[in-house]
């Protein structure tokens, strides 16, 4: 290592700057193929990312340590989305017989199903035999319908032929699940039983994402074929939309233990047990998560007869913890960076300083952040402690002088406004998303312009989104307009605020749907998580502001069916 780098790393040992420099130096060593140097530097890296962990495996392999290949083989299914840095050890595991041909095809299938099917081309080159022609594979992935329509009669003679046809079906199902089903019917007799089951699993998954009623039936046709985590989850969700509680139960019970024990599946398993008259077993499931102040924890507690009560005041941090936090050099550097409006660097320093600290230190640090109006760090830091403590720090209500008048003017629920705002920006005024949403309420420039026209706000320009008062005016006005256009239902409106009102409307069912099921079956991962957290925030804020127990089930309510096609109000059309 160059002397200058070594001197800096020694002088700044334990700091985030040293960690970042060491990580960058390791990437340079990997690029240069200096694996000996890499192995000398890597042990001192405290928090390696996925790329560097993969480079470390390559370094071990290049030094003659073949035990790394056994580790790769054991983690094969977990490395499906791995970066290019993982490829040398993945390929070596195949070439040296640690991973079989079936596992390679499994990886190809998962990559084809995903958003970057081109990555499957690399995996195909690892096949020990029977690799399909790349031109044929590319055609199947890029133009799946024409490819399937021109399949030769003997396509299924080889595994490669069957796999490329399955790849075409998987790609077509993303855009047209019903069309892919028709083509599967044409060729299914020439496929092996496992291949047919796999095709139906893919069809069921994509149909479930499109909220098609056939999804549950297609998943049943898939039987017990191995599925990806996403497919297993949507198998449950498709059964929920169909109110098929026996299938909900069997699908959850068939999950690996690590998935089955997640709060969402614990709750829905309880619901399925209760629906099939197994109340005692259902209550045992609810009890596992009912103490958690989360979406499913609160719902589980309500199933046990306990509404969400106003949380107690948090314990004050001890004098010793306060002293430690106030004298911590990492927090001091972070505060200095925040004062210089260097938020990214400040957040990085702040988070680094909290590594390995106990709950008392985190609570003291959260109070320091609040003292300096760094609200997002106060919230995030308080969340590191016990989930049932420090609610007054985790659910702050800043800017009330700006927010409360607009809530009254718009006729909105204060708890809901704070619930969305907490989820949108953590009360960071200059917050800006990757797609351009800005400010406390994360208003998009185009949305701001549209709302300004609707409410008659003169002299509006996108620069005004950085002004808190204008941002809150536009954001709360948009909330009201969405709410009015979506049955005055906060679940629909929350989904609409995040993903657009048109999508929120299309995600309804042809029959009345329980609000919790609607939220669970939102096709967008980000929006599904957003709605669940926004509604949880709303209930907790309501309990704190109103100082009385609250019901999440009541707020989720029932989602009305889709309106007849072509029937919409003028406000609906404006909000498409």
Protein backbone atom coordinates (compact mmCIF):
# COMPACT_ATOMS: atom_id res chain seq x y z
CA UNK A 1 0.00 0.00 0.00
CA UNK A 2 1.34 3.47 -0.80
CA UNK A 3 2.79 5.18 2.26
CA UNK A 4 0.41 8.15 1.99
CA UNK A 5 -2.65 5.90 2.08
CA UNK A 6 -1.29 3.87 4.97
CA UNK A 7 -0.54 7.01 6.96
CA UNK A 8 -4.04 8.40 6.42
CA UNK A 9 -5.73 5.13 7.35
CA UNK A 10 -3.69 4.90 10.54
CA UNK A 11 -4.36 8.52 11.50
CA UNK A 12 -8.10 8.25 10.80
CA UNK A 13 -8.58 4.70 12.08
CA UNK A 14 -12.20 3.93 12.92
CA UNK A 15 -13.67 6.86 11.00
CA UNK A 16 -16.07 6.76 8.10
CA UNK A 17 -13.48 8.52 5.91
CA UNK A 18 -10.99 5.73 6.54
CA UNK A 19 -13.63 3.14 5.74
CA UNK A 20 -14.55 4.82 2.45
CA UNK A 21 -10.93 5.25 1.41
CA UNK A 22 -10.17 1.62 2.22
CA UNK A 23 -13.19 0.48 0.19
CA UNK A 24 -12.14 2.59 -2.81
CA UNK A 25 -8.59 1.30 -2.59
CA UNK A 26 -9.84 -2.29 -2.51
CA UNK A 27 -11.87 -1.69 -5.67
CA UNK A 28 -8.74 -0.36 -7.36
CA UNK A 29 -6.73 -3.41 -6.26
CA UNK A 30 -9.45 -5.72 -7.59
CA UNK A 31 -9.51 -3.85 -10.91
CA UNK A 32 -5.73 -4.25 -11.17
CA UNK A 33 -5.93 -7.94 -10.25
CA UNK A 34 -3.66 -7.41 -7.25
CA UNK A 35 -5.28 -10.11 -5.12
CA UNK A 36 -2.35 -10.38 -2.73
CA UNK A 37 -2.63 -6.69 -1.93
CA UNK A 38 -6.41 -7.04 -1.68
CA UNK A 39 -6.12 -9.76 0.96
CA UNK A 40 -3.75 -7.58 2.99
CA UNK A 41 -6.16 -4.62 3.09
CA UNK A 42 -9.56 -6.34 3.21
CA UNK A 43 -9.49 -7.63 6.83
CA UNK A 44 -9.52 -4.05 8.14
CA UNK A 45 -12.69 -3.12 6.22
CA UNK A 46 -15.51 -3.04 8.75
CA UNK A 47 -18.65 -3.00 6.58
CA UNK A 48 -17.95 -4.52 3.14
CA UNK A 49 -20.67 -4.23 0.53
CA UNK A 50 -21.77 -7.07 -1.75
CA UNK A 51 -19.30 -6.15 -4.48
CA UNK A 52 -16.33 -6.20 -2.13
CA UNK A 53 -17.43 -9.45 -0.50
CA UNK A 54 -17.48 -10.98 -3.98
CA UNK A 55 -14.02 -9.60 -4.74
CA UNK A 56 -12.85 -11.11 -1.44
CA UNK A 57 -14.07 -14.53 -2.58
CA UNK A 58 -12.18 -14.12 -5.83
CA UNK A 59 -9.05 -13.14 -3.91
CA UNK A 60 -9.32 -16.27 -1.79
CA UNK A 61 -9.82 -18.44 -4.88
CA UNK A 62 -6.82 -16.87 -6.61
CA UNK A 63 -4.71 -17.59 -3.53
CA UNK A 64 -5.61 -21.29 -3.81
CA UNK A 65 -8.40 -21.44 -1.23
CA UNK A 66 -11.02 -23.62 -2.95
CA UNK A 67 -13.20 -23.83 0.15
CA UNK A 68 -14.75 -20.59 -1.07
CA UNK A 69 -16.46 -22.57 -3.84
CA UNK A 70 -18.35 -24.66 -1.27
CA UNK A 71 -19.57 -21.41 0.28
CA UNK A 72 -20.68 -20.14 -3.11
CA UNK A 73 -22.51 -23.39 -3.84
CA UNK A 74 -24.31 -23.21 -0.47
CA UNK A 75 -25.39 -19.61 -1.16
CA UNK A 76 -26.24 -20.17 -4.83
CA UNK A 77 -29.91 -19.18 -4.54
CA UNK A 78 -29.02 -16.06 -2.51
CA UNK A 79 -26.61 -14.77 -5.17
CA UNK A 80 -29.14 -14.44 -7.97
CA UNK A 81 -28.88 -10.63 -8.08
CA UNK A 82 -25.15 -10.54 -7.44
CA UNK A 83 -22.95 -7.98 -9.23
CA UNK A 84 -20.42 -8.78 -11.91
CA UNK A 85 -17.73 -9.03 -9.24
CA UNK A 86 -19.25 -12.36 -8.15
CA UNK A 87 -18.99 -14.00 -11.58
CA UNK A 88 -15.47 -15.48 -11.28
CA UNK A 89 -16.32 -17.62 -8.26
CA UNK A 90 -19.81 -18.47 -9.55
CA UNK A 91 -18.34 -19.69 -12.83
CA UNK A 92 -15.57 -21.60 -11.06
CA UNK A 93 -18.11 -23.35 -8.82
CA UNK A 94 -19.86 -24.63 -11.96
CA UNK A 95 -16.72 -25.54 -13.87
CA UNK A 96 -15.30 -27.52 -10.92
CA UNK A 97 -18.53 -29.42 -10.34
CA UNK A 98 -19.60 -27.74 -7.09
CA UNK A 99 -22.83 -26.57 -8.76
CA UNK A 100 -24.81 -28.79 -11.13
CA UNK A 101 -26.50 -28.10 -14.46
CA UNK A 102 -29.96 -27.95 -12.88
CA UNK A 103 -28.76 -25.12 -10.61
CA UNK A 104 -27.39 -23.22 -13.58
CA UNK A 105 -30.72 -23.48 -15.39
CA UNK A 106 -32.45 -22.38 -12.17
CA UNK A 107 -30.35 -19.23 -12.21
CA UNK A 108 -31.13 -18.63 -15.89
CA UNK A 109 -34.85 -18.90 -15.18
CA UNK A 110 -34.72 -16.44 -12.30
CA UNK A 111 -32.73 -13.95 -14.37
CA UNK A 112 -35.12 -14.22 -17.31
CA UNK A 113 -38.06 -13.62 -14.99
CA UNK A 114 -36.44 -10.47 -13.61
CA UNK A 115 -35.87 -7.01 -14.96
CA UNK A 116 -32.49 -7.70 -16.53
CA UNK A 117 -32.81 -10.84 -18.67
CA UNK A 118 -29.58 -9.96 -20.46
CA UNK A 119 -27.68 -11.18 -17.39
CA UNK A 120 -28.88 -14.68 -18.23
CA UNK A 121 -26.63 -14.65 -21.32
CA UNK A 122 -23.57 -14.76 -19.07
CA UNK A 123 -24.97 -17.61 -16.99
CA UNK A 124 -25.75 -19.60 -20.15
CA UNK A 125 -22.05 -19.63 -21.02
CA UNK A 126 -21.37 -21.55 -17.81
CA UNK A 127 -23.40 -24.55 -18.92
CA UNK A 128 -21.16 -27.58 -19.29
CA UNK A 129 -23.18 -28.79 -22.30
CA UNK A 130 -26.34 -28.10 -24.28
CA UNK A 131 -26.08 -24.31 -24.38
CA UNK A 132 -28.67 -22.77 -26.72
CA UNK A 133 -27.65 -20.54 -29.60
CA UNK A 134 -27.42 -16.98 -28.29
CA UNK A 135 -29.27 -15.57 -31.28
CA UNK A 136 -32.20 -17.87 -30.61
CA UNK A 137 -32.21 -17.00 -26.92
CA UNK A 138 -32.12 -13.27 -27.67
CA UNK A 139 -35.05 -13.60 -30.06
CA UNK A 140 -37.09 -15.50 -27.45
CA UNK A 141 -36.47 -12.83 -24.82
CA UNK A 142 -36.93 -9.78 -27.04
CA UNK A 143 -39.87 -10.97 -29.18
CA UNK A 144 -41.47 -13.78 -27.18
CA UNK A 145 -44.87 -13.94 -28.92
CA UNK A 146 -43.49 -14.31 -32.48
CA UNK A 147 -40.88 -16.76 -31.20
CA UNK A 148 -43.52 -18.97 -29.57
CA UNK A 149 -45.77 -18.75 -32.60
CA UNK A 150 -42.95 -20.06 -34.81
CA UNK A 151 -41.67 -22.83 -32.54
CA UNK A 152 -40.67 -25.93 -34.56
CA UNK A 153 -42.52 -29.13 -33.77
CA UNK A 154 -39.38 -30.74 -32.32
CA UNK A 155 -38.36 -27.80 -30.06
CA UNK A 156 -38.76 -29.98 -26.93
CA UNK A 157 -36.29 -32.67 -28.00
CA UNK A 158 -33.46 -30.94 -26.10
CA UNK A 159 -33.46 -29.27 -22.72
CA UNK A 160 -32.10 -26.10 -24.29
CA UNK A 161 -35.09 -26.01 -26.63
CA UNK A 162 -37.54 -26.40 -23.77
CA UNK A 163 -35.78 -23.83 -21.61
CA UNK A 164 -35.73 -21.19 -24.35
CA UNK A 165 -39.46 -21.74 -24.92
CA UNK A 166 -40.03 -21.32 -21.17
CA UNK A 167 -37.95 -18.16 -21.25
CA UNK A 168 -40.19 -16.79 -24.01
CA UNK A 169 -43.30 -17.67 -21.99
CA UNK A 170 -41.85 -15.96 -18.90
CA UNK A 171 -41.03 -12.77 -20.81
CA UNK A 172 -44.41 -12.69 -22.58
CA UNK A 173 -46.26 -13.20 -19.30
CA UNK A 174 -44.83 -9.93 -17.96
CA UNK A 175 -46.84 -7.96 -20.53
CA UNK A 176 -49.62 -10.37 -21.46
CA UNK A 177 -50.23 -13.22 -19.03
CA UNK A 178 -53.38 -14.33 -20.78
CA UNK A 179 -51.64 -14.41 -24.16
CA UNK A 180 -48.81 -16.44 -22.65
CA UNK A 181 -51.37 -18.86 -21.21
CA UNK A 182 -52.89 -19.44 -24.64
CA UNK A 183 -49.45 -20.25 -26.03
CA UNK A 184 -48.66 -22.54 -23.09
CA UNK A 185 -51.79 -24.54 -23.89
CA UNK A 186 -50.49 -25.08 -27.43
CA UNK A 187 -47.19 -26.59 -26.31
CA UNK A 188 -47.79 -28.01 -22.84
CA UNK A 189 -48.12 -31.62 -24.07
CA UNK A 190 -44.55 -31.45 -25.35
CA UNK A 191 -43.20 -30.18 -22.03
CA UNK A 192 -42.20 -32.30 -19.07
CA UNK A 193 -44.42 -32.15 -15.97
CA UNK A 194 -41.92 -30.02 -14.03
CA UNK A 195 -41.60 -27.60 -16.93
CA UNK A 196 -45.38 -27.20 -17.15
CA UNK A 197 -45.60 -26.59 -13.41
CA UNK A 198 -42.85 -23.97 -13.65
CA UNK A 199 -44.67 -22.21 -16.51
CA UNK A 200 -47.89 -22.08 -14.49
CA UNK A 201 -45.99 -20.66 -11.49
CA UNK A 202 -44.67 -17.85 -13.68
CA UNK A 203 -48.12 -17.25 -15.17
CA UNK A 204 -49.69 -17.20 -11.72
CA UNK A 205 -47.11 -14.73 -10.47
CA UNK A 206 -47.49 -12.32 -13.37
CA UNK A 207 -51.29 -12.63 -13.31
CA UNK A 208 -51.26 -11.89 -9.58
CA UNK A 209 -49.16 -8.76 -10.20
CA UNK A 210 -51.77 -7.72 -12.78
CA UNK A 211 -54.53 -8.58 -10.25
CA UNK A 212 -56.11 -11.00 -12.71
CA UNK A 213 -58.65 -13.47 -11.30
CA UNK A 214 -56.94 -16.39 -13.08
CA UNK A 215 -53.86 -16.07 -10.85
CA UNK A 216 -55.14 -18.33 -8.10
CA UNK A 217 -56.13 -21.04 -10.59
CA UNK A 218 -52.76 -20.92 -12.35
CA UNK A 219 -50.90 -21.16 -9.06
CA UNK A 220 -52.97 -24.26 -8.24
CA UNK A 221 -51.90 -25.76 -11.58
CA UNK A 222 -48.27 -25.15 -10.57
CA UNK A 223 -48.69 -27.52 -7.63
CA UNK A 224 -45.63 -27.85 -5.41
CA UNK A 225 -43.03 -26.81 -7.98
CA UNK A 226 -40.14 -24.84 -6.39
CA UNK A 227 -40.82 -21.11 -6.62
CA UNK A 228 -38.92 -17.90 -6.01
CA UNK A 229 -39.66 -15.83 -2.90
CA UNK A 230 -41.63 -13.36 -5.03
CA UNK A 231 -43.74 -16.16 -6.51
CA UNK A 232 -44.43 -17.65 -3.08
CA UNK A 233 -45.53 -14.26 -1.77
CA UNK A 234 -47.85 -13.59 -4.70
CA UNK A 235 -49.30 -17.07 -4.43
CA UNK A 236 -50.58 -16.00 -1.00
CA UNK A 237 -51.72 -12.61 -2.26
CA UNK A 238 -53.66 -14.06 -5.17
CA UNK A 239 -55.48 -16.33 -2.72
CA UNK A 240 -56.21 -13.33 -0.49
CA UNK A 241 -57.78 -11.44 -3.39
CA UNK A 242 -59.91 -14.53 -4.08
CA UNK A 243 -60.76 -14.87 -0.36
CA UNK A 244 -59.54 -18.46 -0.66
CA UNK A 245 -58.49 -18.91 2.96
CA UNK A 246 -57.56 -22.62 2.76
CA UNK A 247 -55.09 -21.79 -0.03
CA UNK A 248 -53.76 -18.82 1.96
CA UNK A 249 -52.99 -21.22 4.78
CA UNK A 250 -51.38 -23.95 2.70
CA UNK A 251 -49.32 -21.44 0.69
CA UNK A 252 -47.93 -19.80 3.84
CA UNK A 253 -47.26 -23.11 5.56
CA UNK A 254 -45.32 -24.25 2.47
CA UNK A 255 -42.92 -21.28 2.74
CA UNK A 256 -39.41 -21.71 4.15
CA UNK A 257 -39.37 -20.94 7.88
CA UNK A 258 -37.53 -17.63 7.45
CA UNK A 259 -40.29 -16.34 5.17
CA UNK A 260 -43.17 -17.92 7.04
CA UNK A 261 -42.10 -16.16 10.24
CA UNK A 262 -42.23 -12.67 8.72
CA UNK A 263 -44.91 -10.48 10.36
CA UNK A 264 -47.11 -10.29 7.25
CA UNK A 265 -47.33 -14.04 6.81
CA UNK A 266 -47.69 -14.62 10.55
CA UNK A 267 -50.71 -12.30 10.54
CA UNK A 268 -52.30 -13.72 7.40
CA UNK A 269 -51.75 -17.28 8.60
CA UNK A 270 -53.63 -16.31 11.74
CA UNK A 271 -56.44 -14.89 9.63
CA UNK A 272 -56.56 -18.05 7.51
CA UNK A 273 -56.69 -20.25 10.60
CA UNK A 274 -59.47 -18.13 12.06
CA UNK A 275 -61.41 -18.31 8.78
CA UNK A 276 -61.21 -22.10 8.91
CA UNK A 277 -62.47 -22.15 12.53
CA UNK A 278 -59.16 -22.76 14.24
CA UNK A 279 -59.38 -19.84 16.61
CA UNK A 280 -56.92 -21.12 19.22
CA UNK A 281 -54.20 -21.66 16.61
CA UNK A 282 -55.02 -18.26 15.09
CA UNK A 283 -54.59 -16.47 18.41
CA UNK A 284 -51.24 -18.17 18.89
CA UNK A 285 -50.10 -16.65 15.59
CA UNK A 286 -51.41 -13.19 16.50
CA UNK A 287 -49.68 -13.32 19.89
CA UNK A 288 -46.30 -13.77 18.22
CA UNK A 289 -46.37 -10.24 16.74
CA UNK A 290 -49.07 -8.38 18.71
CA UNK A 291 -46.57 -6.44 20.81
CA UNK A 292 -44.94 -4.85 17.75
CA UNK A 293 -46.10 -1.29 16.89
CA UNK A 294 -46.11 -2.14 13.18
CA UNK A 295 -48.83 -2.56 10.55
CA UNK A 296 -49.28 -6.29 11.16
CA UNK A 297 -48.49 -6.09 14.87
CA UNK A 298 -51.27 -3.56 15.43
CA UNK A 299 -53.70 -5.58 13.31
CA UNK A 300 -52.80 -8.75 15.23
CA UNK A 301 -53.36 -7.00 18.55
CA UNK A 302 -56.78 -5.87 17.36
CA UNK A 303 -57.66 -9.47 16.50
CA UNK A 304 -56.91 -10.20 20.16
CA UNK A 305 -59.19 -7.36 21.25
CA UNK A 306 -56.56 -4.70 21.92
CA UNK A 307 -56.75 -1.34 20.15
CA UNK A 308 -53.57 0.70 19.83
CA UNK A 309 -53.28 2.74 23.02
CA UNK A 310 -51.44 6.04 23.39
CA UNK A 311 -47.81 5.06 23.96
CA UNK A 312 -46.11 6.00 27.22
CA UNK A 313 -43.54 8.76 27.37
CA UNK A 314 -40.05 7.55 26.57
CA UNK A 315 -37.46 7.08 29.28
CA UNK A 316 -35.06 9.97 29.51
CA UNK A 317 -31.53 9.06 28.52
CA UNK A 318 -29.17 8.72 31.48
CA UNK A 319 -26.76 11.50 32.26
CA UNK A 320 -23.88 9.21 31.31
CA UNK A 321 -25.40 8.45 27.91
CA UNK A 322 -25.98 12.14 27.30
CA UNK A 323 -22.36 12.88 28.23
CA UNK A 324 -21.12 10.16 25.87
CA UNK A 325 -23.25 11.39 22.99
CA UNK A 326 -22.33 15.06 23.47
CA UNK A 327 -18.62 14.24 23.54
CA UNK A 328 -18.66 11.73 20.67
CA UNK A 329 -16.36 12.97 17.88
CA UNK A 330 -18.37 11.25 15.13
CA UNK A 331 -21.62 12.98 16.15
CA UNK A 332 -19.71 16.26 16.47
CA UNK A 333 -18.39 15.92 12.92
CA UNK A 334 -21.88 15.09 11.69
CA UNK A 335 -23.36 18.19 13.34
CA UNK A 336 -20.64 20.35 11.79
CA UNK A 337 -21.44 18.92 8.35
CA UNK A 338 -25.17 19.57 8.85
CA UNK A 339 -24.37 23.18 9.72
CA UNK A 340 -22.51 23.42 6.40
CA UNK A 341 -25.57 22.02 4.55
CA UNK A 342 -23.57 18.92 3.67
CA UNK A 343 -26.45 16.57 4.48
CA UNK A 344 -25.19 13.48 2.66
CA UNK A 345 -21.84 13.60 4.43
CA UNK A 346 -23.53 14.46 7.73
CA UNK A 347 -25.88 11.50 7.55
CA UNK A 348 -22.99 9.20 6.71
CA UNK A 349 -20.98 10.40 9.73
CA UNK A 350 -24.00 10.24 12.01
CA UNK A 351 -24.90 6.67 11.09
CA UNK A 352 -21.29 5.56 11.39
CA UNK A 353 -21.09 6.99 14.92
CA UNK A 354 -24.10 4.92 15.99
CA UNK A 355 -22.67 1.54 14.98
CA UNK A 356 -22.68 -0.91 17.87
CA UNK A 357 -24.07 1.60 20.37
CA UNK A 358 -26.68 0.64 22.94
CA UNK A 359 -30.25 1.92 23.24
CA UNK A 360 -29.33 4.56 25.80
CA UNK A 361 -26.70 6.14 23.57
CA UNK A 362 -29.11 6.08 20.61
CA UNK A 363 -31.82 7.80 22.68
CA UNK A 364 -29.35 10.48 23.80
CA UNK A 365 -28.15 11.01 20.22
CA UNK A 366 -31.75 11.29 19.01
CA UNK A 367 -32.38 14.07 21.53
CA UNK A 368 -29.27 15.89 20.35
CA UNK A 369 -30.55 15.69 16.78
CA UNK A 370 -33.91 17.07 17.89
CA UNK A 371 -32.16 19.89 19.76
CA UNK A 372 -30.66 21.03 16.44
CA UNK A 373 -33.88 20.42 14.44
CA UNK A 374 -32.35 17.55 12.48
CA UNK A 375 -35.65 15.72 12.50
CA UNK A 376 -34.83 12.79 10.24
CA UNK A 377 -31.82 11.80 12.37
CA UNK A 378 -33.90 12.16 15.54
CA UNK A 379 -36.54 9.78 14.12
CA UNK A 380 -34.17 7.27 12.58
CA UNK A 381 -31.91 7.21 15.63
CA UNK A 382 -34.82 6.72 18.03
CA UNK A 383 -35.98 3.82 15.88
CA UNK A 384 -32.70 2.03 16.64
CA UNK A 385 -33.78 1.58 20.25
CA UNK A 386 -36.63 -0.53 21.60
CA UNK A 387 -39.63 -0.54 19.22
CA UNK A 388 -41.94 0.30 22.11
CA UNK A 389 -40.01 3.30 23.43
CA UNK A 390 -39.29 6.92 22.55
CA UNK A 391 -42.47 7.47 20.52
CA UNK A 392 -42.24 11.22 21.13
CA UNK A 393 -38.94 11.14 19.22
CA UNK A 394 -39.99 8.65 16.56
CA UNK A 395 -43.25 10.48 15.77
CA UNK A 396 -42.37 14.13 15.83
CA UNK A 397 -44.83 16.88 14.87
CA UNK A 398 -42.66 19.78 13.68
CA UNK A 399 -43.85 22.74 11.59
CA UNK A 400 -47.30 22.70 13.19
CA UNK A 401 -47.61 26.44 12.64
CA UNK A 402 -47.45 25.76 8.90
CA UNK A 403 -49.26 22.44 8.77
CA UNK A 404 -52.21 22.89 11.14
CA UNK A 405 -53.83 25.83 9.30
CA UNK A 406 -53.66 23.96 5.99
CA UNK A 407 -55.10 20.82 7.58
CA UNK A 408 -58.06 22.87 8.79
CA UNK A 409 -58.49 24.68 5.47
CA UNK A 410 -58.44 21.41 3.51
CA UNK A 411 -60.65 19.53 5.97
CA UNK A 412 -58.06 16.80 6.41
CA UNK A 413 -57.12 14.50 9.28
CA UNK A 414 -54.03 15.90 11.03
CA UNK A 415 -52.82 12.39 11.90
CA UNK A 416 -53.02 11.28 8.28
CA UNK A 417 -51.18 14.37 7.03
CA UNK A 418 -48.39 13.83 9.53
CA UNK A 419 -48.38 10.12 8.73
CA UNK A 420 -47.78 10.76 5.03
CA UNK A 421 -45.31 13.57 5.61
CA UNK A 422 -43.24 11.45 7.98
CA UNK A 423 -43.08 8.75 5.32
CA UNK A 424 -42.37 11.19 2.51
CA UNK A 425 -39.56 13.32 3.86
CA UNK A 426 -38.92 12.69 7.55
CA UNK A 427 -39.52 16.47 7.77
CA UNK A 428 -36.40 17.38 5.82
CA UNK A 429 -37.19 20.65 4.01
CA UNK A 430 -34.60 20.24 1.20
CA UNK A 431 -35.45 16.56 0.67
CA UNK A 432 -35.40 15.63 -3.01
CA UNK A 433 -36.14 12.19 -4.44
CA UNK A 434 -34.39 10.50 -7.35
CA UNK A 435 -37.37 11.32 -9.59
CA UNK A 436 -37.51 15.00 -8.63
CA UNK A 437 -40.11 15.14 -5.84
CA UNK A 438 -39.27 17.97 -3.46
CA UNK A 439 -39.79 19.30 0.02
CA UNK A 440 -41.67 18.27 3.12
CA UNK A 441 -44.47 16.65 1.12
CA UNK A 442 -42.32 15.46 -1.80
CA UNK A 443 -44.33 17.26 -4.47
CA UNK A 444 -43.37 16.61 -8.08
CA UNK A 445 -42.89 19.78 -10.18
CA UNK A 446 -45.63 18.76 -12.64
CA UNK A 447 -48.00 17.97 -9.77
CA UNK A 448 -47.19 21.28 -8.12
CA UNK A 449 -48.02 23.15 -11.32
CA UNK A 450 -51.30 21.25 -11.76
CA UNK A 451 -52.38 21.83 -8.15
CA UNK A 452 -51.38 25.51 -8.29
CA UNK A 453 -53.69 25.95 -11.29
CA UNK A 454 -56.52 24.10 -9.53
CA UNK A 455 -56.34 26.27 -6.40
CA UNK A 456 -55.57 29.54 -8.19
CA UNK A 457 -52.08 30.02 -6.79
CA UNK A 458 -50.55 32.83 -8.80
CA UNK A 459 -46.89 33.35 -9.67
CA UNK A 460 -46.14 29.67 -9.10
CA UNK A 461 -42.89 28.22 -10.37
CA UNK A 462 -41.04 25.01 -9.51
CA UNK A 463 -38.55 26.88 -7.35
CA UNK A 464 -41.30 27.56 -4.83
CA UNK A 465 -41.47 23.87 -3.93
CA UNK A 466 -38.46 24.51 -1.69
CA UNK A 467 -40.50 26.96 0.40
CA UNK A 468 -42.10 24.99 3.28
CA UNK A 469 -45.34 26.99 3.31
CA UNK A 470 -45.89 26.64 -0.44
CA UNK A 471 -44.90 22.98 -0.34
CA UNK A 472 -47.39 22.20 2.44
CA UNK A 473 -50.11 24.20 0.72
CA UNK A 474 -49.66 22.27 -2.52
CA UNK A 475 -49.17 18.91 -0.80
CA UNK A 476 -52.25 19.16 1.41
CA UNK A 477 -54.32 20.50 -1.49
CA UNK A 478 -53.25 17.50 -3.55
CA UNK A 479 -54.15 15.17 -0.67
CA UNK A 480 -57.64 16.69 -0.57
CA UNK A 481 -58.13 16.43 -4.34
CA UNK A 482 -56.98 12.81 -4.36
CA UNK A 483 -59.14 11.96 -1.36
CA UNK A 484 -62.22 13.44 -3.03
CA UNK A 485 -61.51 11.49 -6.21
CA UNK A 486 -60.95 8.19 -4.39
CA UNK A 487 -64.07 7.64 -2.31
CA UNK A 488 -62.70 9.75 0.55
CA UNK A 489 -60.79 6.63 1.56
CA UNK A 490 -57.36 7.24 3.14
CA UNK A 491 -55.93 3.89 1.98
CA UNK A 492 -56.78 4.59 -1.66
CA UNK A 493 -55.61 8.18 -1.30
CA UNK A 494 -52.32 7.13 0.30
CA UNK A 495 -51.70 4.74 -2.59
CA UNK A 496 -52.67 7.49 -5.02
CA UNK A 497 -50.33 10.02 -3.42
CA UNK A 498 -47.41 7.65 -3.93
CA UNK A 499 -48.20 5.92 -7.23
CA UNK A 500 -50.84 8.12 -8.86
CA UNK A 501 -54.63 8.14 -8.41
CA UNK A 502 -55.26 6.22 -11.63
CA UNK A 503 -53.25 3.24 -10.40
CA UNK A 504 -54.86 3.33 -6.98
CA UNK A 505 -58.25 3.19 -8.68
CA UNK A 506 -57.26 0.30 -10.99
CA UNK A 507 -55.98 -1.77 -8.06
CA UNK A 508 -59.50 -2.13 -6.64
CA UNK A 509 -61.43 -5.35 -7.17
CA UNK A 510 -64.75 -6.18 -8.78
CA UNK A 511 -66.11 -6.85 -5.30
CA UNK A 512 -65.76 -4.99 -1.99
CA UNK A 513 -62.29 -5.67 -0.62
CA UNK A 514 -60.99 -5.46 2.91
CA UNK A 515 -58.60 -2.52 3.19
CA UNK A 516 -55.83 -4.70 4.61
CA UNK A 517 -56.11 -7.07 1.63
CA UNK A 518 -56.06 -4.14 -0.78
CA UNK A 519 -52.88 -2.84 0.85
CA UNK A 520 -51.27 -6.30 0.87
CA UNK A 521 -51.96 -6.84 -2.84
CA UNK A 522 -50.68 -3.53 -4.21
CA UNK A 523 -48.45 -4.65 -7.10
CA UNK A 524 -45.68 -2.05 -6.55
CA UNK A 525 -43.34 -3.02 -3.72
CA UNK A 526 -42.58 0.62 -2.91
CA UNK A 527 -46.23 1.65 -2.80
CA UNK A 528 -47.31 -1.39 -0.81
CA UNK A 529 -44.67 -0.61 1.82
CA UNK A 530 -45.55 3.10 1.69
CA UNK A 531 -49.28 2.55 2.31
CA UNK A 532 -48.69 0.16 5.18
CA UNK A 533 -46.25 2.55 6.86
CA UNK A 534 -48.32 5.66 6.19
CA UNK A 535 -51.42 4.06 7.72
CA UNK A 536 -49.43 2.78 10.69
CA UNK A 537 -48.01 6.27 11.19
CA UNK A 538 -51.53 7.66 11.04
CA UNK A 539 -52.82 5.40 13.82
CA UNK A 540 -49.84 6.11 16.07
CA UNK A 541 -50.09 9.87 15.50
CA UNK A 542 -53.83 9.74 16.20
CA UNK A 543 -53.26 7.92 19.49
CA UNK A 544 -50.65 10.47 20.51
CA UNK A 545 -52.54 13.58 19.37
CA UNK A 546 -56.00 12.49 20.53
CA UNK A 547 -54.74 10.62 23.61
CA UNK A 548 -57.12 7.72 23.16
CA UNK A 549 -56.92 4.20 21.68
CA UNK A 550 -57.13 3.88 17.91
CA UNK A 551 -58.20 1.16 15.48
CA UNK A 552 -56.12 0.47 12.39
CA UNK A 553 -58.77 -1.93 11.13
CA UNK A 554 -61.37 0.85 11.23
CA UNK A 555 -59.12 3.19 9.26
CA UNK A 556 -58.37 0.53 6.66
CA UNK A 557 -62.08 -0.15 6.30
CA UNK A 558 -63.45 -1.60 3.07
CA UNK A 559 -62.46 -0.64 -0.46
CA UNK A 560 -65.46 -0.23 -2.75
CA UNK A 561 -65.52 -2.16 -6.05
CA UNK A 562 -64.33 -0.66 -9.30
CA UNK A 563 -66.88 1.63 -10.91
CA UNK A 564 -68.38 0.64 -14.22
CA UNK A 565 -65.90 1.12 -17.04
CA UNK A 566 -66.22 4.53 -18.61
CA UNK A 567 -68.04 6.07 -15.64
CA UNK A 568 -65.90 8.67 -13.91
CA UNK A 569 -66.29 12.14 -12.49
CA UNK A 570 -64.49 15.10 -13.99
CA UNK A 571 -62.25 15.13 -10.93
CA UNK A 572 -61.39 11.46 -11.56
CA UNK A 573 -60.32 12.30 -15.09
CA UNK A 574 -58.20 15.23 -13.91
CA UNK A 575 -56.41 12.94 -11.47
CA UNK A 576 -55.57 10.12 -13.92
